[in-house]
Amino acid sequence: MAGADKEDVRVEIFDHVYHLRVNSSADAEQIREAAAYVDTKIRAVAANTRDVDSQRLAVLAALHIADELQALQARYQALVSSLNSIDKRSSEINRLLDDEMAS
């Protein structure tokens, strides 16, 4: 039975309790961490706005999280490009060294 190894996880986000089923203890811990992060973001938005509608707070928190994700993706792409450039330079230096040692 594939469903027998599922684990129940209880998380709380902005004073609302959610029960989720995950595949492993590692997934459960990741879900707990994600829920804590979302809760922190919603509370930060709530502290900086007069809006008390939880749906609007959730959407604003989601926008903040999406903005963070896009910034991290851009940084990641910049790092990958830098690594590719370094790899090309390293290959060129190795080729030049090999050529010099062969002569």
N, C-alpha and C. Protein backbone atom coordinates (compact mmCIF):
# COMPACT_ATOMS: atom_id res chain seq x y z
N MET A 1 0.82 -1.19 0.00
CA MET A 1 0.00 0.00 0.00
C MET A 1 0.86 1.25 0.00
N ALA A 2 0.71 2.08 -0.99
CA ALA A 2 1.51 3.30 -1.10
C ALA A 2 1.10 4.35 -0.09
N GLY A 3 -0.16 4.39 0.31
CA GLY A 3 -0.65 5.41 1.22
C GLY A 3 -0.29 5.14 2.68
N ALA A 4 0.15 3.92 3.01
CA ALA A 4 0.42 3.55 4.38
C ALA A 4 1.60 4.31 4.98
N ASP A 5 2.54 4.75 4.18
CA ASP A 5 3.72 5.43 4.70
C ASP A 5 3.55 6.95 4.75
N LYS A 6 2.36 7.43 4.53
CA LYS A 6 2.10 8.87 4.60
C LYS A 6 2.15 9.33 6.06
N GLU A 7 2.53 10.58 6.24
CA GLU A 7 2.61 11.15 7.59
C GLU A 7 1.70 12.37 7.66
N ASP A 8 0.97 12.47 8.77
CA ASP A 8 0.11 13.64 9.01
C ASP A 8 0.94 14.75 9.62
N VAL A 9 0.75 15.97 9.11
CA VAL A 9 1.46 17.13 9.62
C VAL A 9 0.43 18.20 9.95
N ARG A 10 0.60 18.79 11.13
CA ARG A 10 -0.27 19.88 11.56
C ARG A 10 0.56 21.16 11.54
N VAL A 11 0.10 22.17 10.81
CA VAL A 11 0.79 23.46 10.79
C VAL A 11 -0.22 24.55 11.10
N GLU A 12 0.30 25.68 11.58
CA GLU A 12 -0.55 26.82 11.88
C GLU A 12 -0.01 28.03 11.14
N ILE A 13 -0.89 28.66 10.37
CA ILE A 13 -0.52 29.86 9.63
C ILE A 13 -1.55 30.93 9.95
N PHE A 14 -1.08 32.01 10.51
CA PHE A 14 -1.91 33.15 10.87
C PHE A 14 -3.16 32.73 11.64
N ASP A 15 -2.90 31.93 12.68
CA ASP A 15 -3.92 31.47 13.62
C ASP A 15 -4.95 30.51 13.00
N HIS A 16 -4.62 29.93 11.86
CA HIS A 16 -5.46 28.90 11.24
C HIS A 16 -4.66 27.61 11.20
N VAL A 17 -5.30 26.52 11.57
CA VAL A 17 -4.63 25.22 11.60
C VAL A 17 -4.93 24.47 10.30
N TYR A 18 -3.89 23.87 9.74
CA TYR A 18 -4.01 23.08 8.52
C TYR A 18 -3.41 21.70 8.78
N HIS A 19 -4.10 20.68 8.31
CA HIS A 19 -3.62 19.31 8.43
C HIS A 19 -3.26 18.83 7.04
N LEU A 20 -2.03 18.36 6.90
CA LEU A 20 -1.53 17.94 5.59
C LEU A 20 -0.97 16.53 5.70
N ARG A 21 -0.95 15.84 4.58
CA ARG A 21 -0.34 14.51 4.52
C ARG A 21 0.88 14.60 3.61
N VAL A 22 1.99 14.08 4.10
CA VAL A 22 3.24 14.11 3.35
C VAL A 22 3.82 12.71 3.26
N ASN A 23 4.83 12.57 2.41
CA ASN A 23 5.40 11.25 2.14
C ASN A 23 6.46 10.79 3.13
N SER A 24 7.11 11.73 3.84
CA SER A 24 8.21 11.33 4.71
C SER A 24 8.41 12.34 5.82
N SER A 25 9.25 11.97 6.78
CA SER A 25 9.60 12.90 7.86
C SER A 25 10.33 14.11 7.32
N ALA A 26 11.16 13.91 6.30
CA ALA A 26 11.87 15.03 5.69
C ALA A 26 10.87 15.99 5.05
N ASP A 27 9.88 15.46 4.36
CA ASP A 27 8.83 16.30 3.77
C ASP A 27 8.05 17.03 4.86
N ALA A 28 7.80 16.35 5.97
CA ALA A 28 7.06 16.96 7.08
C ALA A 28 7.84 18.14 7.63
N GLU A 29 9.13 17.98 7.82
CA GLU A 29 9.94 19.08 8.35
C GLU A 29 9.99 20.24 7.36
N GLN A 30 10.09 19.92 6.08
CA GLN A 30 10.10 20.98 5.06
C GLN A 30 8.78 21.75 5.05
N ILE A 31 7.67 21.03 5.19
CA ILE A 31 6.35 21.68 5.24
C ILE A 31 6.24 22.56 6.48
N ARG A 32 6.74 22.08 7.62
CA ARG A 32 6.69 22.89 8.85
C ARG A 32 7.49 24.17 8.68
N GLU A 33 8.67 24.06 8.09
CA GLU A 33 9.50 25.24 7.85
C GLU A 33 8.84 26.21 6.88
N ALA A 34 8.25 25.67 5.82
CA ALA A 34 7.56 26.52 4.84
C ALA A 34 6.37 27.22 5.49
N ALA A 35 5.61 26.51 6.29
CA ALA A 35 4.46 27.09 6.97
C ALA A 35 4.90 28.19 7.93
N ALA A 36 5.98 27.97 8.65
CA ALA A 36 6.50 28.99 9.56
C ALA A 36 6.93 30.23 8.79
N TYR A 37 7.53 30.02 7.64
CA TYR A 37 7.97 31.14 6.80
C TYR A 37 6.77 31.94 6.30
N VAL A 38 5.76 31.24 5.81
CA VAL A 38 4.54 31.90 5.32
C VAL A 38 3.86 32.65 6.47
N ASP A 39 3.79 32.02 7.63
CA ASP A 39 3.19 32.67 8.79
C ASP A 39 3.94 33.96 9.13
N THR A 40 5.26 33.90 9.11
CA THR A 40 6.07 35.09 9.39
C THR A 40 5.80 36.20 8.38
N LYS A 41 5.71 35.83 7.11
CA LYS A 41 5.45 36.83 6.06
C LYS A 41 4.07 37.46 6.22
N ILE A 42 3.06 36.65 6.48
CA ILE A 42 1.70 37.20 6.65
C ILE A 42 1.66 38.13 7.85
N ARG A 43 2.30 37.73 8.94
CA ARG A 43 2.31 38.58 10.14
C ARG A 43 3.07 39.89 9.89
N ALA A 44 4.13 39.83 9.11
CA ALA A 44 4.87 41.06 8.78
C ALA A 44 4.00 41.99 7.95
N VAL A 45 3.27 41.44 6.98
CA VAL A 45 2.37 42.26 6.17
C VAL A 45 1.26 42.84 7.05
N ALA A 46 0.72 42.01 7.93
CA ALA A 46 -0.36 42.47 8.82
C ALA A 46 0.12 43.59 9.74
N ALA A 47 1.37 43.52 10.17
CA ALA A 47 1.90 44.55 11.06
C ALA A 47 2.10 45.88 10.35
N ASN A 48 2.21 45.82 9.02
CA ASN A 48 2.49 47.03 8.24
C ASN A 48 1.29 47.53 7.44
N THR A 49 0.11 47.02 7.74
CA THR A 49 -1.07 47.46 7.02
C THR A 49 -2.26 47.50 7.98
N ARG A 50 -3.22 48.28 7.64
CA ARG A 50 -4.44 48.34 8.44
C ARG A 50 -5.46 47.29 7.99
N ASP A 51 -5.18 46.66 6.87
CA ASP A 51 -6.09 45.66 6.32
C ASP A 51 -6.12 44.43 7.24
N VAL A 52 -7.31 43.97 7.57
CA VAL A 52 -7.44 42.81 8.43
C VAL A 52 -8.04 41.62 7.70
N ASP A 53 -8.32 41.77 6.44
CA ASP A 53 -8.87 40.66 5.64
C ASP A 53 -7.76 39.64 5.41
N SER A 54 -7.93 38.45 5.97
CA SER A 54 -6.87 37.44 5.89
C SER A 54 -6.56 37.02 4.46
N GLN A 55 -7.55 37.04 3.58
CA GLN A 55 -7.29 36.68 2.19
C GLN A 55 -6.38 37.71 1.53
N ARG A 56 -6.65 38.98 1.77
CA ARG A 56 -5.80 40.04 1.20
C ARG A 56 -4.39 39.98 1.80
N LEU A 57 -4.30 39.71 3.09
CA LEU A 57 -2.99 39.58 3.72
C LEU A 57 -2.21 38.41 3.11
N ALA A 58 -2.91 37.31 2.86
CA ALA A 58 -2.26 36.14 2.26
C ALA A 58 -1.76 36.47 0.85
N VAL A 59 -2.57 37.19 0.08
CA VAL A 59 -2.16 37.56 -1.28
C VAL A 59 -0.95 38.50 -1.24
N LEU A 60 -0.97 39.48 -0.34
CA LEU A 60 0.17 40.39 -0.22
C LEU A 60 1.43 39.65 0.22
N ALA A 61 1.28 38.72 1.16
CA ALA A 61 2.42 37.91 1.59
C ALA A 61 2.94 37.05 0.43
N ALA A 62 2.01 36.49 -0.34
CA ALA A 62 2.41 35.69 -1.51
C ALA A 62 3.18 36.54 -2.52
N LEU A 63 2.76 37.78 -2.70
CA LEU A 63 3.49 38.67 -3.60
C LEU A 63 4.90 38.95 -3.09
N HIS A 64 5.04 39.15 -1.79
CA HIS A 64 6.37 39.35 -1.21
C HIS A 64 7.25 38.12 -1.42
N ILE A 65 6.68 36.96 -1.19
CA ILE A 65 7.42 35.71 -1.36
C ILE A 65 7.79 35.50 -2.83
N ALA A 66 6.87 35.80 -3.74
CA ALA A 66 7.15 35.67 -5.18
C ALA A 66 8.26 36.63 -5.59
N ASP A 67 8.25 37.85 -5.04
CA ASP A 67 9.31 38.82 -5.33
C ASP A 67 10.66 38.30 -4.85
N GLU A 68 10.69 37.74 -3.65
CA GLU A 68 11.93 37.14 -3.13
C GLU A 68 12.41 36.01 -4.03
N LEU A 69 11.48 35.17 -4.46
CA LEU A 69 11.82 34.05 -5.33
C LEU A 69 12.42 34.53 -6.64
N GLN A 70 11.80 35.54 -7.26
CA GLN A 70 12.32 36.07 -8.52
C GLN A 70 13.71 36.68 -8.34
N ALA A 71 13.94 37.36 -7.24
CA ALA A 71 15.26 37.93 -6.98
C ALA A 71 16.29 36.82 -6.80
N LEU A 72 15.92 35.76 -6.08
CA LEU A 72 16.84 34.64 -5.91
C LEU A 72 17.11 33.91 -7.23
N GLN A 73 16.08 33.78 -8.06
CA GLN A 73 16.27 33.14 -9.37
C GLN A 73 17.22 33.97 -10.23
N ALA A 74 17.09 35.28 -10.19
CA ALA A 74 18.00 36.15 -10.96
C ALA A 74 19.42 36.01 -10.45
N ARG A 75 19.60 35.98 -9.12
CA ARG A 75 20.94 35.80 -8.55
C ARG A 75 21.51 34.44 -8.93
N TYR A 76 20.68 33.41 -8.91
CA TYR A 76 21.10 32.07 -9.28
C TYR A 76 21.58 32.05 -10.74
N GLN A 77 20.79 32.65 -11.64
CA GLN A 77 21.18 32.69 -13.05
C GLN A 77 22.50 33.45 -13.23
N ALA A 78 22.68 34.53 -12.48
CA ALA A 78 23.93 35.28 -12.56
C ALA A 78 25.10 34.42 -12.09
N LEU A 79 24.89 33.65 -11.02
CA LEU A 79 25.94 32.75 -10.53
C LEU A 79 26.26 31.65 -11.54
N VAL A 80 25.23 31.09 -12.14
CA VAL A 80 25.44 30.05 -13.16
C VAL A 80 26.23 30.62 -14.33
N SER A 81 25.88 31.83 -14.75
CA SER A 81 26.62 32.47 -15.85
C SER A 81 28.06 32.70 -15.46
N SER A 82 28.30 33.15 -14.23
CA SER A 82 29.67 33.36 -13.75
C SER A 82 30.44 32.05 -13.72
N LEU A 83 29.80 31.00 -13.23
CA LEU A 83 30.46 29.70 -13.18
C LEU A 83 30.79 29.19 -14.58
N ASN A 84 29.88 29.41 -15.52
CA ASN A 84 30.15 29.00 -16.90
C ASN A 84 31.33 29.77 -17.46
N SER A 85 31.41 31.05 -17.16
CA SER A 85 32.51 31.88 -17.62
C SER A 85 33.83 31.42 -16.99
N ILE A 86 33.79 31.12 -15.70
CA ILE A 86 34.99 30.62 -15.02
C ILE A 86 35.42 29.29 -15.60
N ASP A 87 34.45 28.42 -15.87
CA ASP A 87 34.76 27.11 -16.45
C ASP A 87 35.42 27.27 -17.82
N LYS A 88 34.91 28.20 -18.64
CA LYS A 88 35.50 28.44 -19.95
C LYS A 88 36.92 28.97 -19.83
N ARG A 89 37.13 29.91 -18.90
CA ARG A 89 38.46 30.46 -18.68
C ARG A 89 39.42 29.39 -18.18
N SER A 90 38.95 28.56 -17.27
CA SER A 90 39.77 27.48 -16.73
C SER A 90 40.18 26.51 -17.83
N SER A 91 39.23 26.17 -18.70
CA SER A 91 39.53 25.28 -19.82
C SER A 91 40.57 25.90 -20.75
N GLU A 92 40.43 27.20 -21.00
CA GLU A 92 41.39 27.90 -21.87
C GLU A 92 42.77 27.94 -21.23
N ILE A 93 42.83 28.20 -19.92
CA ILE A 93 44.12 28.22 -19.22
C ILE A 93 44.75 26.83 -19.25
N ASN A 94 43.95 25.81 -19.02
CA ASN A 94 44.48 24.44 -19.09
C ASN A 94 45.01 24.12 -20.47
N ARG A 95 44.28 24.55 -21.50
CA ARG A 95 44.74 24.30 -22.87
C ARG A 95 46.06 25.02 -23.12
N LEU A 96 46.15 26.28 -22.68
CA LEU A 96 47.39 27.03 -22.87
C LEU A 96 48.55 26.39 -22.11
N LEU A 97 48.30 25.94 -20.91
CA LEU A 97 49.35 25.25 -20.13
C LEU A 97 49.78 23.97 -20.82
N ASP A 98 48.80 23.21 -21.29
CA ASP A 98 49.14 21.97 -22.00
C ASP A 98 49.97 22.26 -23.23
N ASP A 99 49.59 23.30 -23.99
CA ASP A 99 50.34 23.69 -25.19
C ASP A 99 51.77 24.10 -24.81
N GLU A 100 51.91 24.87 -23.73
CA GLU A 100 53.21 25.36 -23.30
C GLU A 100 54.09 24.20 -22.82
N MET A 101 53.50 23.26 -22.10
CA MET A 101 54.27 22.12 -21.60
C MET A 101 54.66 21.18 -22.72
N ALA A 102 53.88 21.13 -23.80
CA ALA A 102 54.17 20.26 -24.94
C ALA A 102 55.28 20.82 -25.79
N SER A 103 55.54 22.12 -25.72
CA SER A 103 56.58 22.69 -26.57
C SER A 103 57.94 22.69 -25.94
